[in-house]
């Protein structure tokens, strides 16, 4: 089996998510929650995996907010949320926020990317299996209205303004998934 090909233009550039005023100025330098950051420079990522017939390119734009790896603070000494795995965490957060790809494929891309970035076998498998086991709630959070608890796809549209997704090829499972998501978004926007 051949390994996926991953091409990244650069390391993601970010800044803490402080409270901002309407002009883009920082209101309170002490307001950083210590966990989320805002991407401040366009970041390009390309993924090719012939074993699942998938090739795409993603551009994460300035303004996209990520928490890096959703690693509990007590485990930061073992796996840092903004360490070597940041490119994988960022592409994973972008896929979870936009639903451009199914959850299982998004999780596979996370694993492939953190391995490509140099994360060791044990840590990358720990991250992957933790996400596969507990990531479902985060996946659903991106389409759940926080006030009502109802499912809404408008949040995907909002997130997609920060993430361009160019699909070059995909298998029939992914193609069907994308059609279903497009129909759900369109039906809600009528």
N, C-alpha and C. Protein backbone atom coordinates (compact mmCIF):
# COMPACT_ATOMS: atom_id res chain seq x y z
N UNK A 1 0.84 -1.17 0.00
CA UNK A 1 0.00 0.00 0.00
C UNK A 1 0.89 1.24 0.00
N UNK A 2 0.59 2.20 -0.87
CA UNK A 2 1.41 3.41 -0.92
C UNK A 2 0.93 4.42 0.13
N UNK A 3 1.88 5.21 0.61
CA UNK A 3 1.56 6.22 1.60
C UNK A 3 0.91 7.42 0.92
N UNK A 4 0.05 8.14 1.65
CA UNK A 4 -0.51 9.36 1.09
C UNK A 4 0.58 10.40 0.86
N UNK A 5 0.37 11.26 -0.11
CA UNK A 5 1.29 12.37 -0.38
C UNK A 5 0.67 13.61 0.24
N UNK A 6 1.46 14.29 1.06
CA UNK A 6 0.98 15.49 1.74
C UNK A 6 1.94 16.62 1.42
N UNK A 7 1.40 17.72 0.92
CA UNK A 7 2.22 18.88 0.57
C UNK A 7 1.68 20.08 1.33
N UNK A 8 2.55 20.71 2.12
CA UNK A 8 2.16 21.91 2.85
C UNK A 8 3.06 23.04 2.41
N UNK A 9 2.44 24.19 2.13
CA UNK A 9 3.20 25.33 1.66
C UNK A 9 4.12 25.88 2.75
N UNK A 10 3.65 25.86 3.97
CA UNK A 10 4.41 26.42 5.09
C UNK A 10 3.84 25.86 6.39
N UNK A 11 4.43 26.28 7.46
CA UNK A 11 3.89 25.96 8.79
C UNK A 11 2.77 26.97 9.05
N UNK A 12 1.64 26.54 9.60
CA UNK A 12 0.56 27.48 9.88
C UNK A 12 1.02 28.62 10.79
N UNK A 13 0.60 29.83 10.45
CA UNK A 13 0.94 31.01 11.24
C UNK A 13 -0.31 31.43 12.02
N UNK A 14 -0.14 31.71 13.33
CA UNK A 14 -1.30 32.00 14.16
C UNK A 14 -0.98 33.03 15.22
N UNK A 15 -2.04 33.53 15.84
CA UNK A 15 -1.93 34.46 16.96
C UNK A 15 -3.01 34.10 17.97
N UNK A 16 -2.80 34.41 19.24
CA UNK A 16 -3.83 34.11 20.24
C UNK A 16 -5.13 34.82 19.91
N UNK A 17 -6.25 34.22 20.28
CA UNK A 17 -7.55 34.85 20.04
C UNK A 17 -7.92 35.71 21.24
N UNK A 18 -7.46 36.94 21.18
CA UNK A 18 -7.82 37.92 22.21
C UNK A 18 -9.21 38.47 21.90
N UNK A 19 -9.76 39.22 22.83
CA UNK A 19 -10.99 39.95 22.53
C UNK A 19 -10.60 41.13 21.64
N UNK A 20 -11.34 41.28 20.54
CA UNK A 20 -11.02 42.30 19.54
C UNK A 20 -12.09 43.38 19.51
N UNK A 21 -11.70 44.61 19.15
CA UNK A 21 -12.71 45.64 18.95
C UNK A 21 -13.17 45.58 17.49
N UNK A 22 -14.10 46.44 17.12
CA UNK A 22 -14.67 46.41 15.76
C UNK A 22 -13.66 46.79 14.68
N UNK A 23 -12.55 47.39 15.05
CA UNK A 23 -11.53 47.78 14.07
C UNK A 23 -10.39 46.76 13.97
N UNK A 24 -10.53 45.64 14.63
CA UNK A 24 -9.50 44.60 14.58
C UNK A 24 -8.39 44.79 15.60
N UNK A 25 -8.54 45.75 16.50
CA UNK A 25 -7.53 45.97 17.54
C UNK A 25 -7.81 45.12 18.77
N UNK A 26 -6.74 44.77 19.46
CA UNK A 26 -6.89 43.96 20.67
C UNK A 26 -7.46 44.82 21.79
N UNK A 27 -8.51 44.34 22.42
CA UNK A 27 -9.15 45.05 23.52
C UNK A 27 -8.46 44.74 24.83
N UNK A 28 -8.15 43.49 25.04
CA UNK A 28 -7.64 43.05 26.34
C UNK A 28 -6.56 41.99 26.13
N UNK A 29 -5.30 42.35 26.33
CA UNK A 29 -4.19 41.43 26.12
C UNK A 29 -4.25 40.23 27.08
N UNK A 30 -4.95 40.36 28.18
CA UNK A 30 -5.06 39.26 29.14
C UNK A 30 -6.27 38.37 28.87
N UNK A 31 -6.97 38.61 27.76
CA UNK A 31 -8.20 37.88 27.51
C UNK A 31 -8.00 36.54 26.80
N UNK A 32 -6.76 36.18 26.45
CA UNK A 32 -6.54 34.92 25.76
C UNK A 32 -6.91 33.77 26.67
N UNK A 33 -7.67 32.82 26.14
CA UNK A 33 -8.11 31.67 26.94
C UNK A 33 -7.01 30.62 27.07
N UNK A 34 -5.88 30.82 26.38
CA UNK A 34 -4.77 29.88 26.46
C UNK A 34 -4.95 28.65 25.59
N UNK A 35 -6.02 28.61 24.82
CA UNK A 35 -6.31 27.40 24.06
C UNK A 35 -6.58 27.67 22.57
N UNK A 36 -7.38 28.66 22.23
CA UNK A 36 -7.72 28.87 20.83
C UNK A 36 -6.83 29.94 20.20
N UNK A 37 -6.58 29.76 18.90
CA UNK A 37 -5.78 30.72 18.15
C UNK A 37 -6.47 31.03 16.82
N UNK A 38 -6.12 32.16 16.26
CA UNK A 38 -6.66 32.60 14.98
C UNK A 38 -5.55 32.48 13.94
N UNK A 39 -5.84 31.84 12.82
CA UNK A 39 -4.87 31.77 11.73
C UNK A 39 -4.72 33.17 11.15
N UNK A 40 -3.49 33.65 11.02
CA UNK A 40 -3.30 35.02 10.56
C UNK A 40 -2.61 35.12 9.20
N UNK A 41 -2.37 33.98 8.55
CA UNK A 41 -1.76 33.96 7.23
C UNK A 41 -2.34 32.76 6.47
N UNK A 42 -2.66 32.97 5.21
CA UNK A 42 -3.21 31.88 4.41
C UNK A 42 -2.29 30.66 4.47
N UNK A 43 -2.90 29.47 4.62
CA UNK A 43 -2.14 28.23 4.72
C UNK A 43 -2.69 27.23 3.71
N UNK A 44 -1.80 26.72 2.85
CA UNK A 44 -2.21 25.78 1.80
C UNK A 44 -1.76 24.37 2.15
N UNK A 45 -2.64 23.43 1.81
CA UNK A 45 -2.42 22.03 2.14
C UNK A 45 -2.96 21.19 0.99
N UNK A 46 -2.20 20.19 0.56
CA UNK A 46 -2.66 19.28 -0.50
C UNK A 46 -2.49 17.85 -0.01
N UNK A 47 -3.48 17.01 -0.33
CA UNK A 47 -3.50 15.62 0.13
C UNK A 47 -3.85 14.73 -1.06
N UNK A 48 -3.06 13.69 -1.24
CA UNK A 48 -3.32 12.70 -2.30
C UNK A 48 -3.17 11.31 -1.67
N UNK A 49 -4.22 10.51 -1.76
CA UNK A 49 -4.17 9.14 -1.28
C UNK A 49 -4.84 8.25 -2.32
N UNK A 50 -4.02 7.60 -3.13
CA UNK A 50 -4.56 6.74 -4.19
C UNK A 50 -5.25 5.50 -3.64
N UNK A 51 -4.92 5.09 -2.40
CA UNK A 51 -5.55 3.90 -1.84
C UNK A 51 -7.04 4.10 -1.59
N UNK A 52 -7.46 5.35 -1.39
CA UNK A 52 -8.90 5.64 -1.23
C UNK A 52 -9.40 6.57 -2.35
N UNK A 53 -8.59 6.75 -3.37
CA UNK A 53 -8.95 7.56 -4.53
C UNK A 53 -9.39 8.97 -4.11
N UNK A 54 -8.51 9.65 -3.40
CA UNK A 54 -8.82 10.99 -2.90
C UNK A 54 -7.66 11.93 -3.18
N UNK A 55 -7.98 13.07 -3.76
CA UNK A 55 -7.01 14.14 -3.97
C UNK A 55 -7.74 15.46 -3.81
N UNK A 56 -7.21 16.30 -2.92
CA UNK A 56 -7.81 17.62 -2.72
C UNK A 56 -6.76 18.62 -2.26
N UNK A 57 -7.13 19.87 -2.35
CA UNK A 57 -6.31 20.96 -1.85
C UNK A 57 -7.20 21.82 -0.97
N UNK A 58 -6.64 22.31 0.11
CA UNK A 58 -7.37 23.18 1.03
C UNK A 58 -6.56 24.44 1.27
N UNK A 59 -7.25 25.55 1.33
CA UNK A 59 -6.63 26.82 1.70
C UNK A 59 -7.37 27.32 2.92
N UNK A 60 -6.66 27.38 4.05
CA UNK A 60 -7.23 27.91 5.28
C UNK A 60 -6.86 29.39 5.33
N UNK A 61 -7.88 30.23 5.43
CA UNK A 61 -7.69 31.68 5.32
C UNK A 61 -7.54 32.33 6.70
N UNK A 62 -6.93 33.52 6.70
CA UNK A 62 -6.83 34.27 7.97
C UNK A 62 -8.21 34.47 8.58
N UNK A 63 -8.27 34.31 9.90
CA UNK A 63 -9.52 34.45 10.62
C UNK A 63 -10.08 33.12 11.12
N UNK A 64 -9.63 32.01 10.51
CA UNK A 64 -10.09 30.70 10.97
C UNK A 64 -9.58 30.47 12.39
N UNK A 65 -10.46 30.00 13.27
CA UNK A 65 -10.08 29.78 14.67
C UNK A 65 -9.97 28.29 14.94
N UNK A 66 -8.89 27.91 15.60
CA UNK A 66 -8.64 26.51 15.93
C UNK A 66 -8.15 26.41 17.38
N UNK A 67 -8.34 25.24 17.95
CA UNK A 67 -7.76 24.99 19.28
C UNK A 67 -6.55 24.08 19.15
N UNK A 68 -6.03 23.96 17.92
CA UNK A 68 -4.91 23.06 17.71
C UNK A 68 -5.39 21.64 17.98
N UNK A 69 -4.61 20.87 18.68
CA UNK A 69 -5.07 19.54 19.08
C UNK A 69 -5.99 19.69 20.27
N UNK A 70 -7.14 19.07 20.23
CA UNK A 70 -8.09 19.15 21.35
C UNK A 70 -7.60 18.21 22.46
N UNK A 71 -6.46 18.57 23.00
CA UNK A 71 -5.78 17.75 24.00
C UNK A 71 -6.11 18.30 25.39
N UNK A 72 -6.59 17.47 26.31
CA UNK A 72 -6.84 17.97 27.66
C UNK A 72 -5.54 18.51 28.27
N UNK A 73 -5.65 19.57 29.04
CA UNK A 73 -4.46 20.22 29.62
C UNK A 73 -3.55 19.24 30.37
N UNK A 74 -4.14 18.29 31.08
CA UNK A 74 -3.30 17.36 31.85
C UNK A 74 -2.38 16.53 30.95
N UNK A 75 -2.72 16.42 29.65
CA UNK A 75 -1.91 15.61 28.74
C UNK A 75 -0.96 16.44 27.87
N UNK A 76 -0.94 17.77 28.06
CA UNK A 76 -0.10 18.64 27.23
C UNK A 76 1.39 18.29 27.34
N UNK A 77 1.81 17.73 28.45
CA UNK A 77 3.21 17.35 28.60
C UNK A 77 3.59 16.19 27.67
N UNK A 78 2.61 15.38 27.30
CA UNK A 78 2.87 14.25 26.41
C UNK A 78 2.61 14.61 24.94
N UNK A 79 1.49 15.30 24.68
CA UNK A 79 1.12 15.68 23.31
C UNK A 79 0.68 17.14 23.34
N UNK A 80 1.50 18.00 22.76
CA UNK A 80 1.22 19.44 22.79
C UNK A 80 0.17 19.82 21.74
N UNK A 81 -0.79 20.68 22.10
CA UNK A 81 -1.83 21.07 21.15
C UNK A 81 -1.33 21.94 19.99
N UNK A 82 -0.16 22.58 20.16
CA UNK A 82 0.40 23.42 19.10
C UNK A 82 1.81 22.99 18.72
N UNK A 83 2.14 21.77 18.99
CA UNK A 83 3.47 21.26 18.68
C UNK A 83 3.57 20.71 17.27
N UNK A 84 4.32 19.64 17.13
CA UNK A 84 4.62 19.04 15.84
C UNK A 84 3.36 18.64 15.07
N UNK A 85 2.29 18.37 15.78
CA UNK A 85 1.05 17.94 15.13
C UNK A 85 0.17 19.05 14.61
N UNK A 86 0.57 20.33 14.78
CA UNK A 86 -0.30 21.44 14.42
C UNK A 86 -0.84 21.37 12.99
N UNK A 87 -0.04 21.05 11.97
CA UNK A 87 -0.63 20.97 10.62
C UNK A 87 -1.77 19.94 10.55
N UNK A 88 -1.62 18.81 11.21
CA UNK A 88 -2.68 17.80 11.23
C UNK A 88 -3.89 18.28 12.00
N UNK A 89 -3.66 18.93 13.14
CA UNK A 89 -4.77 19.44 13.93
C UNK A 89 -5.54 20.50 13.16
N UNK A 90 -4.81 21.36 12.46
CA UNK A 90 -5.46 22.44 11.72
C UNK A 90 -6.31 21.90 10.57
N UNK A 91 -5.77 20.99 9.77
CA UNK A 91 -6.56 20.45 8.66
C UNK A 91 -7.76 19.67 9.20
N UNK A 92 -7.57 18.98 10.31
CA UNK A 92 -8.66 18.23 10.95
C UNK A 92 -9.75 19.18 11.44
N UNK A 93 -9.36 20.26 12.11
CA UNK A 93 -10.35 21.24 12.57
C UNK A 93 -11.08 21.86 11.39
N UNK A 94 -10.35 22.13 10.30
CA UNK A 94 -10.98 22.71 9.11
C UNK A 94 -12.01 21.74 8.52
N UNK A 95 -11.68 20.45 8.49
CA UNK A 95 -12.62 19.46 7.94
C UNK A 95 -13.83 19.27 8.88
N UNK A 96 -13.60 19.29 10.19
CA UNK A 96 -14.71 19.15 11.14
C UNK A 96 -15.63 20.38 11.07
N UNK A 97 -15.05 21.57 10.90
CA UNK A 97 -15.84 22.80 10.89
C UNK A 97 -16.65 22.96 9.61
N UNK A 98 -16.21 22.35 8.52
CA UNK A 98 -16.85 22.57 7.22
C UNK A 98 -17.60 21.36 6.69
N UNK A 99 -17.30 20.17 7.21
CA UNK A 99 -17.88 18.92 6.73
C UNK A 99 -17.61 18.71 5.24
N UNK A 100 -16.48 19.19 4.75
CA UNK A 100 -16.14 18.96 3.34
C UNK A 100 -15.88 17.48 3.06
N UNK A 101 -15.48 16.75 4.08
CA UNK A 101 -15.23 15.31 3.94
C UNK A 101 -15.90 14.58 5.11
N UNK A 102 -16.24 13.31 4.94
CA UNK A 102 -16.84 12.55 6.05
C UNK A 102 -15.90 12.48 7.25
N UNK A 103 -16.47 12.25 8.41
CA UNK A 103 -15.69 12.23 9.65
C UNK A 103 -14.58 11.19 9.62
N UNK A 104 -14.86 9.97 9.16
CA UNK A 104 -13.82 8.93 9.17
C UNK A 104 -12.64 9.30 8.27
N UNK A 105 -12.92 9.93 7.14
CA UNK A 105 -11.84 10.36 6.24
C UNK A 105 -11.08 11.53 6.87
N UNK A 106 -11.79 12.45 7.51
CA UNK A 106 -11.14 13.58 8.20
C UNK A 106 -10.19 13.07 9.28
N UNK A 107 -10.61 12.05 10.00
CA UNK A 107 -9.76 11.47 11.05
C UNK A 107 -8.54 10.77 10.45
N UNK A 108 -8.71 10.10 9.32
CA UNK A 108 -7.58 9.45 8.64
C UNK A 108 -6.57 10.50 8.17
N UNK A 109 -7.07 11.62 7.67
CA UNK A 109 -6.20 12.70 7.21
C UNK A 109 -5.41 13.28 8.38
N UNK A 110 -6.06 13.42 9.53
CA UNK A 110 -5.35 13.86 10.74
C UNK A 110 -4.19 12.91 11.02
N UNK A 111 -4.47 11.62 11.07
CA UNK A 111 -3.42 10.63 11.36
C UNK A 111 -2.28 10.72 10.33
N UNK A 112 -2.63 10.71 9.05
CA UNK A 112 -1.60 10.76 8.00
C UNK A 112 -0.75 12.02 8.11
N UNK A 113 -1.38 13.13 8.45
CA UNK A 113 -0.65 14.41 8.49
C UNK A 113 0.26 14.50 9.71
N UNK A 114 -0.19 14.03 10.87
CA UNK A 114 0.69 14.11 12.04
C UNK A 114 1.86 13.13 11.90
N UNK A 115 1.63 12.01 11.25
CA UNK A 115 2.75 11.08 10.97
C UNK A 115 3.72 11.73 9.99
N UNK A 116 3.19 12.36 8.95
CA UNK A 116 4.01 13.06 7.95
C UNK A 116 4.85 14.17 8.61
N UNK A 117 4.25 14.85 9.59
CA UNK A 117 4.93 15.94 10.28
C UNK A 117 6.03 15.44 11.23
N UNK A 118 6.02 14.13 11.51
CA UNK A 118 7.09 13.57 12.34
C UNK A 118 6.66 13.09 13.72
N UNK A 119 5.37 13.10 14.00
CA UNK A 119 4.93 12.58 15.28
C UNK A 119 5.14 11.07 15.31
N UNK A 120 5.61 10.56 16.41
CA UNK A 120 5.89 9.14 16.53
C UNK A 120 4.66 8.26 16.47
N UNK A 121 4.90 6.96 16.28
CA UNK A 121 3.82 5.99 16.11
C UNK A 121 2.89 5.96 17.31
N UNK A 122 3.44 5.88 18.53
CA UNK A 122 2.61 5.77 19.72
C UNK A 122 1.72 6.99 19.91
N UNK A 123 2.31 8.19 19.83
CA UNK A 123 1.53 9.41 20.03
C UNK A 123 0.49 9.60 18.93
N UNK A 124 0.87 9.35 17.69
CA UNK A 124 -0.08 9.56 16.59
C UNK A 124 -1.24 8.57 16.68
N UNK A 125 -0.97 7.35 17.10
CA UNK A 125 -2.05 6.38 17.29
C UNK A 125 -2.93 6.75 18.48
N UNK A 126 -2.31 7.29 19.53
CA UNK A 126 -3.09 7.76 20.68
C UNK A 126 -4.05 8.86 20.25
N UNK A 127 -3.53 9.84 19.48
CA UNK A 127 -4.37 10.93 18.97
C UNK A 127 -5.48 10.36 18.10
N UNK A 128 -5.12 9.51 17.14
CA UNK A 128 -6.10 8.98 16.19
C UNK A 128 -7.22 8.21 16.89
N UNK A 129 -6.87 7.28 17.74
CA UNK A 129 -7.91 6.45 18.37
C UNK A 129 -8.74 7.24 19.39
N UNK A 130 -8.15 8.26 19.99
CA UNK A 130 -8.92 9.14 20.88
C UNK A 130 -9.94 9.92 20.07
N UNK A 131 -9.53 10.45 18.92
CA UNK A 131 -10.45 11.19 18.05
C UNK A 131 -11.55 10.27 17.51
N UNK A 132 -11.18 9.07 17.12
CA UNK A 132 -12.19 8.13 16.60
C UNK A 132 -13.20 7.77 17.68
N UNK A 133 -12.73 7.68 18.93
CA UNK A 133 -13.61 7.29 20.03
C UNK A 133 -14.46 8.45 20.54
N UNK A 134 -13.85 9.64 20.68
CA UNK A 134 -14.55 10.75 21.34
C UNK A 134 -14.87 11.93 20.43
N UNK A 135 -14.45 11.90 19.17
CA UNK A 135 -14.63 13.05 18.28
C UNK A 135 -16.03 13.28 17.75
N UNK A 136 -16.93 12.31 17.93
CA UNK A 136 -18.28 12.44 17.40
C UNK A 136 -19.02 13.66 17.93
N UNK A 137 -18.83 13.97 19.20
CA UNK A 137 -19.54 15.13 19.76
C UNK A 137 -19.01 16.43 19.16
N UNK A 138 -17.70 16.52 18.94
CA UNK A 138 -17.14 17.72 18.30
C UNK A 138 -17.64 17.84 16.87
N UNK A 139 -17.75 16.72 16.18
CA UNK A 139 -18.26 16.71 14.80
C UNK A 139 -19.69 17.28 14.78
N UNK A 140 -20.53 16.81 15.70
CA UNK A 140 -21.93 17.27 15.75
C UNK A 140 -22.05 18.71 16.23
N UNK A 141 -21.11 19.17 17.07
CA UNK A 141 -21.16 20.55 17.57
C UNK A 141 -21.18 21.57 16.44
N UNK A 142 -20.57 21.23 15.31
CA UNK A 142 -20.47 22.19 14.21
C UNK A 142 -21.79 22.39 13.46
N UNK A 143 -22.80 21.59 13.76
CA UNK A 143 -24.11 21.77 13.14
C UNK A 143 -25.23 21.87 14.18
N UNK A 144 -24.86 22.13 15.42
CA UNK A 144 -25.86 22.22 16.48
C UNK A 144 -25.99 23.66 16.95
N UNK A 145 -27.20 24.19 16.90
CA UNK A 145 -27.48 25.53 17.39
C UNK A 145 -27.32 25.51 18.91
N UNK A 146 -26.44 26.35 19.43
CA UNK A 146 -26.11 26.33 20.86
C UNK A 146 -27.31 26.73 21.74
N UNK A 147 -28.20 27.58 21.21
CA UNK A 147 -29.34 28.04 21.99
C UNK A 147 -30.47 27.01 22.02
N UNK A 148 -30.78 26.42 20.87
CA UNK A 148 -31.94 25.54 20.77
C UNK A 148 -31.59 24.06 20.82
N UNK A 149 -30.33 23.72 20.48
CA UNK A 149 -29.95 22.32 20.40
C UNK A 149 -30.36 21.66 19.09
N UNK A 150 -30.98 22.44 18.20
CA UNK A 150 -31.43 21.90 16.91
C UNK A 150 -30.27 21.81 15.93
N UNK A 151 -30.40 20.89 14.99
CA UNK A 151 -29.41 20.73 13.92
C UNK A 151 -29.63 21.85 12.89
N UNK A 152 -28.56 22.53 12.52
CA UNK A 152 -28.62 23.56 11.50
C UNK A 152 -27.31 23.53 10.72
N UNK A 153 -27.41 23.70 9.42
CA UNK A 153 -26.22 23.62 8.58
C UNK A 153 -25.65 25.00 8.26
N UNK A 154 -26.24 26.07 8.80
CA UNK A 154 -25.75 27.42 8.50
C UNK A 154 -24.34 27.64 9.06
N UNK A 155 -23.99 26.92 10.11
CA UNK A 155 -22.64 27.07 10.66
C UNK A 155 -21.58 26.55 9.70
N UNK A 156 -21.93 25.53 8.91
CA UNK A 156 -20.98 25.04 7.91
C UNK A 156 -20.70 26.12 6.88
N UNK A 157 -21.74 26.83 6.47
CA UNK A 157 -21.58 27.91 5.49
C UNK A 157 -20.67 28.99 6.07
N UNK A 158 -20.88 29.34 7.33
CA UNK A 158 -20.05 30.36 7.98
C UNK A 158 -18.59 29.91 8.05
N UNK A 159 -18.35 28.67 8.44
CA UNK A 159 -16.98 28.16 8.52
C UNK A 159 -16.33 28.08 7.16
N UNK A 160 -17.12 27.77 6.14
CA UNK A 160 -16.56 27.61 4.79
C UNK A 160 -16.04 28.90 4.20
N UNK A 161 -16.40 30.05 4.76
CA UNK A 161 -15.83 31.30 4.27
C UNK A 161 -14.34 31.41 4.61
N UNK A 162 -13.87 30.60 5.55
CA UNK A 162 -12.46 30.60 5.93
C UNK A 162 -11.67 29.41 5.38
N UNK A 163 -12.36 28.51 4.69
CA UNK A 163 -11.68 27.31 4.18
C UNK A 163 -12.12 27.03 2.74
N UNK A 164 -11.19 27.17 1.81
CA UNK A 164 -11.46 26.79 0.42
C UNK A 164 -11.10 25.32 0.26
N UNK A 165 -11.92 24.60 -0.46
CA UNK A 165 -11.74 23.16 -0.66
C UNK A 165 -11.84 22.88 -2.14
N UNK A 166 -10.76 22.41 -2.73
CA UNK A 166 -10.73 22.09 -4.15
C UNK A 166 -10.55 20.58 -4.28
N UNK A 167 -11.57 19.91 -4.76
CA UNK A 167 -11.55 18.46 -4.88
C UNK A 167 -11.13 18.09 -6.29
N UNK A 168 -10.06 17.32 -6.42
CA UNK A 168 -9.58 16.89 -7.72
C UNK A 168 -10.10 15.51 -8.10
N UNK A 169 -10.17 14.61 -7.11
CA UNK A 169 -10.75 13.30 -7.36
C UNK A 169 -11.20 12.70 -6.04
N UNK A 170 -12.22 11.84 -6.14
CA UNK A 170 -12.71 11.17 -4.94
C UNK A 170 -13.45 9.91 -5.34
N UNK A 171 -13.64 9.03 -4.36
CA UNK A 171 -14.37 7.79 -4.60
C UNK A 171 -15.87 8.06 -4.53
N UNK A 172 -16.66 7.07 -4.88
CA UNK A 172 -18.11 7.24 -4.94
C UNK A 172 -18.73 7.50 -3.57
N UNK A 173 -18.15 6.92 -2.50
CA UNK A 173 -18.67 7.17 -1.15
C UNK A 173 -18.56 8.65 -0.79
N UNK A 174 -17.42 9.24 -1.07
CA UNK A 174 -17.22 10.66 -0.77
C UNK A 174 -18.10 11.52 -1.67
N UNK A 175 -18.21 11.17 -2.92
CA UNK A 175 -19.04 11.93 -3.86
C UNK A 175 -20.50 11.95 -3.38
N UNK A 176 -21.02 10.81 -2.94
CA UNK A 176 -22.39 10.74 -2.42
C UNK A 176 -22.53 11.59 -1.15
N UNK A 177 -21.54 11.49 -0.27
CA UNK A 177 -21.56 12.29 0.96
C UNK A 177 -21.63 13.78 0.64
N UNK A 178 -20.80 14.23 -0.30
CA UNK A 178 -20.78 15.65 -0.66
C UNK A 178 -22.12 16.10 -1.25
N UNK A 179 -22.75 15.26 -2.05
CA UNK A 179 -24.07 15.59 -2.60
C UNK A 179 -25.09 15.74 -1.49
N UNK A 180 -25.07 14.82 -0.52
CA UNK A 180 -26.01 14.88 0.60
C UNK A 180 -25.84 16.16 1.41
N UNK A 181 -24.60 16.53 1.70
CA UNK A 181 -24.34 17.74 2.49
C UNK A 181 -24.79 18.97 1.71
N UNK A 182 -24.50 19.04 0.42
CA UNK A 182 -24.93 20.17 -0.40
C UNK A 182 -26.45 20.31 -0.41
N UNK A 183 -27.15 19.19 -0.50
CA UNK A 183 -28.62 19.22 -0.48
C UNK A 183 -29.12 19.75 0.87
N UNK A 184 -28.53 19.28 1.97
CA UNK A 184 -28.94 19.74 3.29
C UNK A 184 -28.70 21.24 3.46
N UNK A 185 -27.56 21.73 3.01
CA UNK A 185 -27.27 23.16 3.12
C UNK A 185 -28.23 23.96 2.26
N UNK A 186 -28.45 23.53 1.03
CA UNK A 186 -29.35 24.25 0.13
C UNK A 186 -30.78 24.25 0.65
N UNK A 187 -31.25 23.13 1.18
CA UNK A 187 -32.63 23.06 1.67
C UNK A 187 -32.85 24.01 2.86
N UNK A 188 -31.84 24.19 3.66
CA UNK A 188 -31.97 25.09 4.81
C UNK A 188 -31.91 26.55 4.40
N UNK A 189 -31.24 26.84 3.30
CA UNK A 189 -31.09 28.23 2.85
C UNK A 189 -32.22 28.70 1.94
N UNK A 190 -33.25 27.87 1.74
CA UNK A 190 -34.38 28.27 0.89
C UNK A 190 -35.34 29.14 1.63
